[in-house]
Amino acid sequence: MVAKQASTYVSAAAQARAAGQIQRHQESLGFLGGLDCLRGVPTDELARLLEHGVFRAFASGAMIFGQQKQVRFLFLVLRGTLQLRLRDKDGREVLMGVLGPGDCCGEGALFSDFFRRMSALATNSCYLLQVPIADLREFLGATPTLAATLRQVYKRRMVESTLARIPLLSQLLPMERLALAGILRPVSFSRGSMLIAQGDPADALYLIEHGQVVVEQHGQMVSTLGEGDFFGEMALLMSQPHRASVRAMTPTDVLALPAADFHELIRDRPSLELHLREVIESRNRHNAAVHQDEARARDLTQAVGHGLLRATQLLVRTPGLCPPGCRICEEACLGRHGSQRLHLNGTSVENLDVLDACRQCGVGPECVEACPEDAFERCDDGTLIIIGTCTGCGTCIAACPYHAITSVPRDAAHAQSGLLWDLLRQARARLRRREIIPRTLVQRADKCDLCHGHADQACVSACPTGALRLVPVEELFVR
């Protein structure tokens, strides 16, 4: 009888705990559904967030994520406030905004290969729901409303971050930039298309949100512009037709500020007009220097044509330091990877040799766009690598305009050596003969990934004279 009463008591306690858990779960779902950033998301989709999320508390002053780290979580602000900051093109830190209950951050990593890194700092005690981006990617396809909602947040934040990164506008207060974002007109251009033509009337100031463009005067390339840059200011201030053409080197998204709104903005902010006129003077001096220096103009044309300006870093050789016939760097690459990923005598720039190798294109890489297997992955440092899902179909090889990708035997990497790897290769060879492994899997795509996973670049380390260096692209070109 006593045992029966104890069993009944335990059962009742378990039921009470279960009922309490269900009630707390329902209350949490209701709370999430009331957040501004998740308004309208169905309960079953919110449940997936709760299933994978962890509630975190951050003290005042704590760094939630930093600019040098890949954002690995989506954060939903439940209580407290935090600051979002980033650096503009001149390296100055800019306050993007203050987030409070109902806001979220970190969503950009879901939709961008190379997410523009921000930092988030708790300004007081914060209570957040932290959801791993990797988990979110796994179930996002099954939660369409949540996916659409987060994408809208991402698009809005991309506009805000573009405005904050432009030194011209970073001096505005966050609320002023937010108001400006509401009147900007987004326009997208395909690779190679003309954004404005020399002689066209001025109708807007254009802010580059994503992509790269080349500026041409009278058919001569004079400069390139990228994310966070702007153009069209000269024609607007001078009330003249455009003095240069602007063409897209990559798929490019711009934000257009209509002429009337532009003039209203500089009328209310005289300091902006002063800054713009300084930019105009600098650009005029640069363009004149390019027109007067044939070698400089030739180098710029070559750099654009060979995709050098799409890189962030380049492998550059000083031929005068190389012993006659020396190819140690090529041999070191071959020795480490089992295939040669770079070639000497690539593009000549100012008596330097920029080696033929993958540019690690940061914007609109054709290989990534063409790959049917999503076999390219962007690392935290921006390096583009090929991962194991590559089937060796060769689509990326044809798509790369710089012939930087080749097809190699899947077993080419010398780094995978030893008895175990030999046995594995023998087993795979037997399977291929029996046609169990598709023939396309015998090959794989291969390219320079700056020796990803190694402590150094084999080619640079092996160079006995210091002739070969990995340098920032800005060291060679003024964009």
Protein backbone atom coordinates (compact mmCIF):
# COMPACT_ATOMS: atom_id res chain seq x y z
CA MET A 1 0.00 0.00 0.00
CA VAL A 2 2.85 2.37 0.92
CA ALA A 3 4.68 1.49 -2.31
CA LYS A 4 1.54 2.19 -4.29
CA GLN A 5 1.12 5.61 -2.65
CA ALA A 6 4.81 6.44 -3.35
CA SER A 7 4.39 5.42 -6.98
CA THR A 8 1.29 7.59 -7.27
CA TYR A 9 3.18 10.49 -5.65
CA VAL A 10 6.15 10.12 -8.03
CA SER A 11 3.83 9.88 -11.00
CA ALA A 12 1.99 13.02 -9.93
CA ALA A 13 5.28 14.89 -9.42
CA ALA A 14 6.50 13.80 -12.86
CA GLN A 15 3.25 14.94 -14.42
CA ALA A 16 3.51 18.28 -12.65
CA ARG A 17 7.07 18.74 -13.92
CA ALA A 18 6.03 17.82 -17.45
CA ALA A 19 3.08 20.21 -17.28
CA GLY A 20 5.41 22.94 -16.02
CA GLN A 21 7.84 22.33 -18.87
CA ILE A 22 5.04 22.50 -21.43
CA GLN A 23 3.75 25.72 -19.89
CA ARG A 24 7.23 27.31 -19.91
CA HIS A 25 7.73 26.16 -23.50
CA GLN A 26 4.45 27.76 -24.55
CA GLU A 27 5.31 30.95 -22.69
CA SER A 28 8.72 31.05 -24.43
CA LEU A 29 7.08 30.57 -27.81
CA GLY A 30 4.65 33.37 -27.05
CA PHE A 31 7.50 35.62 -25.96
CA LEU A 32 9.49 34.93 -29.15
CA GLY A 33 6.42 35.52 -31.30
CA GLY A 34 6.07 38.96 -29.71
CA LEU A 35 9.58 40.07 -30.72
CA ASP A 36 9.56 42.66 -33.50
CA CYS A 37 12.16 40.78 -35.53
CA LEU A 38 10.05 37.56 -35.47
CA ARG A 39 6.57 39.00 -35.77
CA GLY A 40 4.39 36.82 -38.00
CA VAL A 41 6.64 33.74 -37.81
CA PRO A 42 4.49 30.60 -37.18
CA THR A 43 4.72 28.82 -33.85
CA ASP A 44 6.12 25.61 -35.33
CA GLU A 45 9.01 27.59 -36.87
CA LEU A 46 9.68 29.43 -33.62
CA ALA A 47 9.84 26.03 -31.92
CA ARG A 48 12.85 25.14 -34.10
CA LEU A 49 14.66 28.23 -32.81
CA LEU A 50 13.94 27.23 -29.22
CA GLU A 51 15.01 23.66 -29.87
CA HIS A 52 18.48 24.74 -31.04
CA GLY A 53 18.85 27.93 -29.00
CA VAL A 54 20.57 28.57 -25.68
CA PHE A 55 19.69 31.44 -23.36
CA ARG A 56 22.79 33.52 -22.56
CA ALA A 57 23.41 36.36 -20.16
CA PHE A 58 26.10 38.99 -20.89
CA ALA A 59 27.36 41.52 -18.36
CA SER A 60 27.63 45.21 -19.20
CA GLY A 61 30.70 45.83 -21.36
CA ALA A 62 30.98 42.22 -22.57
CA MET A 63 31.95 41.63 -26.21
CA ILE A 64 29.24 39.46 -27.74
CA PHE A 65 31.14 39.06 -30.98
CA GLY A 66 34.11 40.90 -32.45
CA GLN A 67 35.22 42.23 -35.84
CA GLN A 68 38.06 39.74 -36.20
CA LYS A 69 35.86 36.68 -35.66
CA GLN A 70 33.45 34.92 -37.96
CA VAL A 71 29.94 35.40 -36.56
CA ARG A 72 28.81 31.88 -35.60
CA PHE A 73 25.50 32.65 -33.91
CA LEU A 74 22.22 34.44 -34.44
CA PHE A 75 21.42 36.50 -31.35
CA LEU A 76 17.87 37.52 -30.39
CA VAL A 77 17.77 40.34 -27.84
CA LEU A 78 15.32 39.47 -25.06
CA ARG A 79 16.41 42.01 -22.47
CA GLY A 80 18.99 44.82 -22.29
CA THR A 81 20.74 46.78 -25.05
CA LEU A 82 23.86 46.33 -27.17
CA GLN A 83 25.81 48.42 -29.67
CA LEU A 84 26.61 47.35 -33.22
CA ARG A 85 29.85 48.86 -34.53
CA LEU A 86 31.99 48.54 -37.64
CA ARG A 87 34.91 50.29 -39.30
CA ASP A 88 34.56 52.53 -42.33
CA LYS A 89 36.93 52.43 -45.32
CA ASP A 90 39.32 54.81 -43.53
CA GLY A 91 39.55 52.48 -40.52
CA ARG A 92 37.47 54.62 -38.17
CA GLU A 93 35.05 52.83 -35.87
CA VAL A 94 31.44 53.84 -36.51
CA LEU A 95 28.37 53.26 -34.35
CA MET A 96 25.85 51.49 -36.55
CA GLY A 97 23.06 51.44 -34.03
CA VAL A 98 21.79 50.41 -30.61
CA LEU A 99 19.74 47.21 -30.43
CA GLY A 100 17.16 46.51 -27.74
CA PRO A 101 14.54 43.89 -26.92
CA GLY A 102 12.95 42.54 -30.08
CA ASP A 103 16.04 43.09 -32.27
CA CYS A 104 18.50 40.51 -33.57
CA CYS A 105 22.04 40.43 -34.96
CA GLY A 106 24.38 37.94 -36.58
CA GLU A 107 21.89 37.06 -39.32
CA GLY A 108 24.28 38.26 -42.06
CA ALA A 109 26.36 35.08 -41.86
CA LEU A 110 23.34 33.17 -43.21
CA PHE A 111 23.17 35.04 -46.50
CA SER A 112 26.67 36.24 -47.35
CA ASP A 113 29.76 34.21 -48.31
CA PHE A 114 32.04 36.82 -46.85
CA PHE A 115 29.97 38.58 -44.22
CA ARG A 116 31.03 42.12 -43.39
CA ARG A 117 32.25 41.72 -39.85
CA MET A 118 30.75 43.87 -37.13
CA SER A 119 31.23 43.94 -33.39
CA ALA A 120 28.48 43.77 -30.80
CA LEU A 121 29.05 45.13 -27.30
CA ALA A 122 26.65 44.85 -24.35
CA THR A 123 25.90 48.34 -23.01
CA ASN A 124 24.15 46.91 -19.94
CA SER A 125 23.19 43.47 -18.66
CA CYS A 126 21.77 41.58 -21.65
CA TYR A 127 19.72 38.41 -21.93
CA LEU A 128 19.92 36.83 -25.40
CA LEU A 129 18.80 33.70 -27.20
CA GLN A 130 21.85 32.31 -29.03
CA VAL A 131 21.22 30.03 -32.03
CA PRO A 132 24.17 28.42 -33.89
CA ILE A 133 24.33 29.55 -37.53
CA ALA A 134 25.30 26.01 -38.59
CA ASP A 135 22.13 24.58 -37.03
CA LEU A 136 20.03 27.39 -38.46
CA ARG A 137 21.28 26.66 -41.97
CA GLU A 138 20.24 23.02 -41.57
CA PHE A 139 16.57 23.75 -40.88
CA LEU A 140 16.11 27.13 -42.59
CA GLY A 141 14.72 25.47 -45.72
CA ALA A 142 11.91 23.95 -43.63
CA THR A 143 11.04 27.31 -42.01
CA PRO A 144 10.22 29.59 -44.98
CA THR A 145 8.63 32.41 -43.00
CA LEU A 146 11.56 32.58 -40.59
CA ALA A 147 13.98 32.54 -43.55
CA ALA A 148 12.12 35.38 -45.30
CA THR A 149 11.95 37.41 -42.07
CA LEU A 150 15.68 37.07 -41.36
CA ARG A 151 16.50 37.91 -44.97
CA GLN A 152 14.52 41.15 -44.65
CA VAL A 153 16.51 42.03 -41.51
CA TYR A 154 19.71 41.22 -43.40
CA LYS A 155 18.78 43.43 -46.38
CA ARG A 156 17.94 46.36 -44.13
CA ARG A 157 21.16 45.96 -42.18
CA MET A 158 23.18 45.72 -45.38
CA VAL A 159 21.87 49.15 -46.40
CA GLU A 160 22.63 50.56 -42.96
CA SER A 161 26.14 49.06 -42.94
CA THR A 162 26.85 50.41 -46.43
CA LEU A 163 25.99 53.91 -45.28
CA ALA A 164 28.07 53.51 -42.11
CA ARG A 165 31.13 52.23 -44.04
CA ILE A 166 31.20 55.22 -46.39
CA PRO A 167 33.37 57.91 -44.74
CA LEU A 168 31.22 60.56 -46.39
CA LEU A 169 28.17 59.41 -44.42
CA SER A 170 29.70 57.81 -41.33
CA GLN A 171 29.64 61.22 -39.62
CA LEU A 172 25.83 61.09 -39.63
CA LEU A 173 24.01 59.88 -36.53
CA PRO A 174 22.54 56.35 -36.73
CA MET A 175 19.00 57.75 -36.87
CA GLU A 176 19.98 60.10 -39.71
CA ARG A 177 21.45 57.20 -41.67
CA LEU A 178 18.32 55.18 -40.98
CA ALA A 179 16.19 57.99 -42.40
CA LEU A 180 18.48 58.25 -45.42
CA ALA A 181 18.22 54.50 -46.00
CA GLY A 182 14.48 54.91 -46.47
CA ILE A 183 14.87 57.07 -49.58
CA LEU A 184 17.68 55.13 -51.27
CA ARG A 185 16.78 53.22 -54.43
CA PRO A 186 18.46 49.79 -54.78
CA VAL A 187 19.66 48.89 -58.29
CA SER A 188 21.46 45.72 -59.43
CA PHE A 189 23.76 45.36 -62.43
CA SER A 190 25.11 42.23 -64.09
CA ARG A 191 28.80 41.67 -64.77
CA GLY A 192 30.05 43.86 -67.64
CA SER A 193 27.02 46.16 -67.78
CA MET A 194 27.26 49.96 -67.86
CA LEU A 195 26.08 51.75 -64.72
CA ILE A 196 26.50 55.25 -66.12
CA ALA A 197 27.91 56.43 -69.45
CA GLN A 198 30.14 59.42 -70.03
CA GLY A 199 27.95 62.32 -71.15
CA ASP A 200 24.79 61.07 -69.39
CA PRO A 201 22.93 63.66 -67.31
CA ALA A 202 23.40 63.48 -63.54
CA ASP A 203 20.40 62.00 -61.75
CA ALA A 204 21.74 60.46 -58.50
CA LEU A 205 24.65 59.78 -56.18
CA TYR A 206 25.49 56.08 -56.32
CA LEU A 207 26.73 54.14 -53.27
CA ILE A 208 28.28 50.72 -53.92
CA GLU A 209 26.70 48.18 -51.61
CA HIS A 210 28.24 45.06 -53.13
CA GLY A 211 30.57 44.50 -56.09
CA GLN A 212 33.35 46.22 -58.01
CA VAL A 213 33.30 48.71 -60.90
CA VAL A 214 35.85 50.24 -63.24
CA VAL A 215 35.87 53.96 -64.12
CA GLU A 216 36.73 54.91 -67.72
CA GLN A 217 37.35 58.29 -69.37
CA HIS A 218 37.45 58.48 -73.17
CA GLY A 219 37.89 54.71 -73.29
CA GLN A 220 40.84 54.75 -70.85
CA MET A 221 40.57 52.95 -67.51
CA VAL A 222 41.44 55.39 -64.75
CA SER A 223 40.39 53.69 -61.49
CA THR A 224 38.32 51.03 -59.83
CA LEU A 225 35.82 51.32 -56.99
CA GLY A 226 34.45 48.75 -54.57
CA GLU A 227 32.14 48.27 -51.62
CA GLY A 228 31.76 51.43 -49.55
CA ASP A 229 32.80 53.72 -52.43
CA PHE A 230 30.52 56.14 -54.26
CA PHE A 231 30.37 57.86 -57.63
CA GLY A 232 28.31 60.44 -59.51
CA GLU A 233 29.09 63.22 -57.03
CA MET A 234 31.07 65.35 -59.47
CA ALA A 235 28.29 65.71 -62.03
CA LEU A 236 25.75 66.51 -59.31
CA LEU A 237 27.85 69.22 -57.65
CA MET A 238 28.93 70.76 -60.96
CA SER A 239 25.47 70.42 -62.55
CA GLN A 240 27.17 68.87 -65.58
CA PRO A 241 26.90 65.56 -67.48
CA HIS A 242 28.98 62.68 -66.18
CA ARG A 243 32.67 63.05 -67.13
CA ALA A 244 33.37 59.31 -66.96
CA SER A 245 31.71 55.97 -67.56
CA VAL A 246 31.31 53.36 -64.84
CA ARG A 247 31.15 49.66 -65.76
CA ALA A 248 30.55 46.63 -63.53
CA MET A 249 33.53 44.26 -63.18
CA THR A 250 31.40 41.89 -61.07
CA PRO A 251 27.69 41.59 -60.27
CA THR A 252 27.13 44.90 -58.52
CA ASP A 253 24.44 46.28 -56.21
CA VAL A 254 24.24 50.03 -55.72
CA LEU A 255 22.06 52.36 -53.70
CA ALA A 256 20.99 55.44 -55.62
CA LEU A 257 20.31 58.70 -53.78
CA PRO A 258 18.11 60.82 -56.12
CA ALA A 259 19.52 64.20 -57.10
CA ALA A 260 16.86 66.21 -55.23
CA ASP A 261 17.52 64.32 -51.99
CA PHE A 262 21.27 64.65 -52.52
CA HIS A 263 21.06 68.44 -52.80
CA GLU A 264 18.81 68.60 -49.73
CA LEU A 265 21.31 66.50 -47.77
CA ILE A 266 24.32 68.70 -48.53
CA ARG A 267 22.26 71.84 -47.96
CA ASP A 268 21.51 70.64 -44.42
CA ARG A 269 25.08 69.36 -43.93
CA PRO A 270 27.61 71.82 -45.43
CA SER A 271 30.48 69.68 -44.12
CA LEU A 272 29.38 66.91 -46.50
CA GLU A 273 29.77 69.18 -49.52
CA LEU A 274 33.24 70.20 -48.32
CA HIS A 275 34.21 66.52 -48.00
CA LEU A 276 32.80 65.77 -51.47
CA ARG A 277 34.81 68.57 -53.07
CA GLU A 278 37.99 67.18 -51.46
CA VAL A 279 37.16 63.77 -52.93
CA ILE A 280 36.60 65.35 -56.36
CA GLU A 281 39.98 67.12 -56.25
CA SER A 282 41.74 63.90 -55.27
CA ARG A 283 40.03 61.92 -58.03
CA ASN A 284 40.83 64.57 -60.63
CA ARG A 285 44.52 64.47 -59.68
CA HIS A 286 44.55 60.68 -59.84
CA ASN A 287 42.79 60.55 -63.23
CA ALA A 288 45.15 63.15 -64.70
CA ALA A 289 48.16 61.19 -63.46
CA VAL A 290 46.88 58.01 -65.12
CA HIS A 291 46.26 59.81 -68.43
CA GLN A 292 49.78 61.28 -68.38
CA ASP A 293 51.58 58.07 -67.38
CA GLU A 294 51.36 55.42 -70.09
CA ALA A 295 53.01 52.74 -67.95
CA ARG A 296 50.59 53.36 -65.10
CA ALA A 297 47.62 53.24 -67.46
CA ARG A 298 48.91 50.01 -68.97
CA ASP A 299 49.39 48.41 -65.55
CA LEU A 300 45.86 49.35 -64.52
CA THR A 301 44.39 47.94 -67.73
CA GLN A 302 46.33 44.71 -67.25
CA ALA A 303 45.31 44.49 -63.61
CA VAL A 304 41.63 44.76 -64.49
CA GLY A 305 41.90 42.40 -67.44
CA HIS A 306 43.72 39.73 -65.43
CA GLY A 307 41.49 40.09 -62.37
CA LEU A 308 44.26 41.28 -60.05
CA LEU A 309 42.09 43.96 -58.50
CA ARG A 310 39.54 41.36 -57.46
CA ALA A 311 42.10 39.97 -55.03
CA THR A 312 42.90 41.11 -51.51
CA GLN A 313 46.41 39.60 -51.59
CA LEU A 314 48.73 38.65 -54.45
CA LEU A 315 51.78 36.42 -54.81
CA VAL A 316 54.36 38.84 -56.22
CA ARG A 317 57.92 38.06 -57.39
CA THR A 318 60.87 40.37 -57.92
CA PRO A 319 62.56 38.69 -60.93
CA GLY A 320 65.84 40.51 -60.36
CA LEU A 321 66.31 38.58 -57.12
CA CYS A 322 65.80 35.17 -58.74
CA PRO A 323 68.80 33.05 -59.82
CA PRO A 324 68.68 32.15 -63.54
CA GLY A 325 66.26 29.32 -64.22
CA CYS A 326 65.15 29.06 -60.58
CA ARG A 327 61.72 27.45 -60.15
CA ILE A 328 61.99 26.47 -56.48
CA CYS A 329 58.64 28.08 -55.64
CA GLU A 330 56.79 26.04 -58.27
CA GLU A 331 58.53 22.88 -57.10
CA ALA A 332 57.61 23.60 -53.47
CA CYS A 333 53.96 24.00 -54.45
CA LEU A 334 54.05 20.72 -56.37
CA GLY A 335 55.79 18.95 -53.50
CA ARG A 336 53.23 20.01 -50.92
CA HIS A 337 50.03 19.59 -52.91
CA GLY A 338 50.86 16.97 -55.51
CA SER A 339 49.88 19.41 -58.24
CA GLN A 340 51.23 22.80 -59.32
CA ARG A 341 48.79 25.52 -58.32
CA LEU A 342 50.80 28.56 -59.41
CA HIS A 343 52.98 29.60 -62.35
CA LEU A 344 55.80 32.11 -62.78
CA ASN A 345 55.76 34.80 -65.47
CA GLY A 346 52.15 35.75 -64.93
CA THR A 347 51.28 39.46 -65.19
CA SER A 348 54.03 42.09 -65.28
CA VAL A 349 53.35 45.14 -63.09
CA GLU A 350 56.03 47.78 -62.44
CA ASN A 351 58.91 45.35 -63.07
CA LEU A 352 57.28 42.80 -60.79
CA ASP A 353 55.84 39.43 -61.73
CA VAL A 354 52.37 38.72 -60.30
CA LEU A 355 52.16 34.94 -60.36
CA ASP A 356 49.34 33.16 -62.15
CA ALA A 357 47.28 31.69 -59.31
CA CYS A 358 43.76 31.87 -57.92
CA ARG A 359 42.78 35.48 -57.14
CA GLN A 360 40.55 34.40 -54.22
CA CYS A 361 37.94 36.75 -55.74
CA GLY A 362 36.12 38.40 -52.86
CA VAL A 363 33.15 39.53 -54.95
CA GLY A 364 31.14 37.52 -57.47
CA PRO A 365 33.60 34.63 -58.06
CA GLU A 366 32.52 32.91 -61.29
CA CYS A 367 33.66 29.50 -60.03
CA VAL A 368 31.36 29.68 -57.00
CA GLU A 369 28.44 30.86 -59.11
CA ALA A 370 28.89 27.97 -61.56
CA CYS A 371 29.53 25.11 -59.10
CA PRO A 372 26.47 22.79 -58.95
CA GLU A 373 27.64 21.11 -55.72
CA ASP A 374 28.38 24.13 -53.49
CA ALA A 375 31.94 22.82 -53.31
CA PHE A 376 33.54 26.21 -52.53
CA GLU A 377 33.80 27.60 -49.03
CA ARG A 378 35.00 30.99 -47.80
CA CYS A 379 37.32 30.83 -44.78
CA ASP A 380 37.41 33.41 -41.99
CA ASP A 381 40.45 35.09 -43.58
CA GLY A 382 38.70 35.38 -46.96
CA THR A 383 40.51 32.49 -48.64
CA LEU A 384 38.34 30.48 -51.03
CA ILE A 385 38.84 26.72 -50.71
CA ILE A 386 37.45 23.65 -52.48
CA ILE A 387 35.78 21.18 -50.12
CA GLY A 388 34.96 17.49 -50.28
CA THR A 389 31.64 17.83 -52.10
CA CYS A 390 33.55 18.52 -55.35
CA THR A 391 32.63 15.84 -57.92
CA GLY A 392 35.25 16.84 -60.49
CA CYS A 393 32.58 17.91 -62.99
CA GLY A 394 34.83 20.70 -64.33
CA THR A 395 32.15 23.41 -64.41
CA CYS A 396 34.26 25.76 -62.30
CA ILE A 397 37.28 25.24 -64.57
CA ALA A 398 35.37 26.56 -67.57
CA ALA A 399 33.82 29.38 -65.53
CA CYS A 400 37.07 30.88 -64.16
CA PRO A 401 38.11 33.69 -66.56
CA TYR A 402 41.72 33.54 -65.34
CA HIS A 403 42.37 29.82 -65.95
CA ALA A 404 43.31 29.43 -62.28
CA ILE A 405 41.53 26.10 -61.70
CA THR A 406 42.66 22.74 -63.05
CA SER A 407 41.50 19.14 -62.88
CA VAL A 408 43.78 16.70 -61.08
CA PRO A 409 43.58 13.05 -59.98
CA ARG A 410 41.69 12.83 -56.71
CA ASP A 411 44.70 11.14 -55.10
CA ALA A 412 47.21 13.81 -56.18
CA ALA A 413 47.86 15.38 -52.76
CA HIS A 414 51.24 14.27 -51.41
CA ALA A 415 50.26 15.47 -47.98
CA GLN A 416 48.06 12.35 -47.73
CA SER A 417 50.83 9.79 -47.71
CA GLY A 418 51.72 6.67 -45.76
CA LEU A 419 50.59 3.05 -45.56
CA LEU A 420 46.97 3.85 -44.64
CA TRP A 421 46.52 6.26 -47.53
CA ASP A 422 48.20 3.83 -49.92
CA LEU A 423 45.74 1.09 -48.89
CA LEU A 424 42.83 3.50 -49.25
CA ARG A 425 43.93 4.52 -52.75
CA GLN A 426 44.29 0.87 -53.76
CA ALA A 427 40.79 0.11 -52.49
CA ARG A 428 39.34 3.08 -54.36
CA ALA A 429 41.13 2.01 -57.53
CA ARG A 430 39.51 -1.44 -57.26
CA LEU A 431 36.09 0.18 -56.77
CA ARG A 432 36.62 2.38 -59.83
CA ARG A 433 37.49 -0.64 -61.94
CA ARG A 434 34.21 -2.20 -60.83
CA GLU A 435 32.50 1.18 -61.60
CA ILE A 436 31.10 1.50 -58.08
CA ILE A 437 32.58 5.01 -57.82
CA PRO A 438 31.34 7.34 -60.62
CA ARG A 439 34.06 8.19 -63.11
CA THR A 440 33.69 11.92 -62.43
CA LEU A 441 34.88 11.29 -58.87
CA VAL A 442 38.24 10.08 -60.18
CA GLN A 443 39.12 13.77 -60.73
CA ARG A 444 38.70 16.84 -58.58
CA ALA A 445 39.10 20.57 -59.07
CA ASP A 446 42.31 22.09 -57.76
CA LYS A 447 43.54 25.65 -57.24
CA CYS A 448 45.71 27.78 -55.00
CA ASP A 449 44.20 28.24 -51.55
CA LEU A 450 47.27 29.97 -50.05
CA CYS A 451 48.18 26.64 -48.39
CA HIS A 452 45.03 26.58 -46.29
CA GLY A 453 45.54 24.39 -43.23
CA HIS A 454 49.31 24.88 -43.21
CA ALA A 455 51.33 27.28 -41.10
CA ASP A 456 52.93 28.92 -44.14
CA GLN A 457 52.79 29.27 -47.92
CA ALA A 458 55.12 26.61 -49.33
CA CYS A 459 56.21 28.76 -52.27
CA VAL A 460 57.10 31.79 -50.13
CA SER A 461 58.89 29.76 -47.45
CA ALA A 462 60.96 27.85 -50.01
CA CYS A 463 62.20 30.96 -51.86
CA PRO A 464 65.92 31.25 -50.98
CA THR A 465 66.29 34.94 -51.87
CA GLY A 466 63.06 36.52 -50.61
CA ALA A 467 62.02 37.28 -54.19
CA LEU A 468 58.50 35.95 -53.64
CA ARG A 469 56.08 37.69 -51.29
CA LEU A 470 52.39 37.64 -50.45
CA VAL A 471 51.35 41.31 -50.49
CA PRO A 472 48.10 43.28 -50.09
CA VAL A 473 46.76 44.36 -53.46
CA GLU A 474 46.78 47.98 -52.26
CA GLU A 475 50.59 47.81 -52.17
CA LEU A 476 50.60 47.58 -55.98
CA PHE A 477 47.56 49.53 -57.05
CA VAL A 478 45.77 52.69 -55.99
CA ARG A 479 42.17 51.72 -56.66
